[in-house]
């Protein structure tokens, strides 16, 4: 069976499914999937070097904001 975000098993009721992939240097970019919707990825062109963060409403699951913080350059 297919589960949300490609997870190995489904989440219990009243829980959100998510998957975060860190990437590999500059070869494979990071990605964030939430409830079977890709929030950040290299395809969407909304990731950056460093920490990539997606802010999601914990009650509704609505995406509020995405951003990246370059920890190398300060």
Protein backbone atom coordinates (compact mmCIF):
# COMPACT_ATOMS: atom_id res chain seq x y z
CA UNK A 1 0.00 0.00 0.00
CA UNK A 2 1.04 3.59 -0.67
CA UNK A 3 1.37 5.86 2.38
CA UNK A 4 1.58 9.65 2.55
CA UNK A 5 4.98 11.15 1.70
CA UNK A 6 6.30 7.68 0.85
CA UNK A 7 6.50 6.62 4.50
CA UNK A 8 6.73 2.92 5.38
CA UNK A 9 3.47 2.94 7.33
CA UNK A 10 0.51 5.22 7.77
CA UNK A 11 0.19 7.67 10.68
CA UNK A 12 -2.42 7.23 13.40
CA UNK A 13 -5.63 9.24 13.17
CA UNK A 14 -5.24 12.92 14.15
CA UNK A 15 -1.51 12.92 13.25
CA UNK A 16 0.19 14.57 10.28
CA UNK A 17 2.44 12.60 7.93
CA UNK A 18 5.77 14.21 7.02
CA UNK A 19 9.14 13.31 5.58
CA UNK A 20 12.32 15.38 5.62
CA UNK A 21 15.27 14.50 3.37
CA UNK A 22 18.50 16.34 4.10
CA UNK A 23 20.11 16.02 0.67
CA UNK A 24 23.72 15.29 -0.26
CA UNK A 25 26.08 18.27 -0.62
CA UNK A 26 25.25 20.07 -3.86
CA UNK A 27 24.34 16.87 -5.75
CA UNK A 28 20.91 16.05 -4.27
CA UNK A 29 18.89 18.86 -2.73
CA UNK A 30 16.86 18.60 0.46
CA UNK A 31 13.10 18.21 0.45
CA UNK A 32 10.23 18.50 2.89
CA UNK A 33 6.96 16.61 2.34
CA UNK A 34 3.89 17.20 4.52
CA UNK A 35 0.60 15.32 4.18
CA UNK A 36 1.62 14.06 0.71
CA UNK A 37 2.40 17.58 -0.53
CA UNK A 38 5.99 18.62 -1.27
CA UNK A 39 6.56 21.92 0.53
CA UNK A 40 10.23 22.47 -0.34
CA UNK A 41 12.46 20.90 -3.01
CA UNK A 42 14.93 21.73 -5.75
CA UNK A 43 12.11 21.28 -8.30
CA UNK A 44 10.10 24.03 -6.57
CA UNK A 45 13.30 26.13 -6.44
CA UNK A 46 12.64 27.18 -2.83
CA UNK A 47 15.57 25.56 -1.01
CA UNK A 48 18.92 27.00 -0.07
CA UNK A 49 22.27 26.11 1.44
CA UNK A 50 22.04 25.52 5.20
CA UNK A 51 18.85 25.04 7.20
CA UNK A 52 15.62 24.79 5.24
CA UNK A 53 12.51 25.38 7.33
CA UNK A 54 8.79 25.10 6.61
CA UNK A 55 6.40 26.69 9.10
CA UNK A 56 3.10 24.80 9.25
CA UNK A 57 0.00 25.50 11.34
CA UNK A 58 -0.11 22.62 13.83
CA UNK A 59 -3.91 22.56 13.95
CA UNK A 60 -4.91 22.90 10.32
CA UNK A 61 -1.74 21.71 8.55
CA UNK A 62 -1.70 24.85 6.39
CA UNK A 63 1.71 25.97 5.12
CA UNK A 64 2.46 29.42 6.52
CA UNK A 65 6.01 30.16 5.34
CA UNK A 66 9.20 28.62 3.99
CA UNK A 67 12.73 29.93 4.31
CA UNK A 68 16.37 28.88 4.34
CA UNK A 69 19.19 30.07 6.57
CA UNK A 70 22.77 29.91 5.29
CA UNK A 71 24.75 28.85 8.35
CA UNK A 72 28.10 28.92 6.52
CA UNK A 73 28.17 32.55 5.42
CA UNK A 74 26.51 33.80 8.58
